[in-house]
């Protein structure tokens, strides 16, 4: 929690995995003495993840197409979806979302306008 809101030495608005706290270390950061083994997933786990992602993606595309046809105002629909997401994400994940400093926000603002 102490790292949230503080700028890390990264040009990106999020923390790199090397800067993430690790349990069991004296400083809370990974070092050369700490070896973190990657998680091994079975082929079935990977296959099911891919299939479920494809199903969710197709379902959202179909639902958005149906919503645009029913509402006939696509920009209003996109605006409502963005507003809903902007309101819900901070409420649900307020402890884990790091928005960075104001200079980070201004630096990334042109990307959102593309």
Foldseek 3Di string as FASTA:
>chain_A
DVCAQDDDPDLAQDDDPQAQFDPPDPVRGDDPVDDDDDDDDDPVVVVVVVVVVVVVVVVVVVVLVVVCVVVVDNVVVVVVVVVVCVVVCCVVPVPPDHRYDPVSCVVCVVVVVD
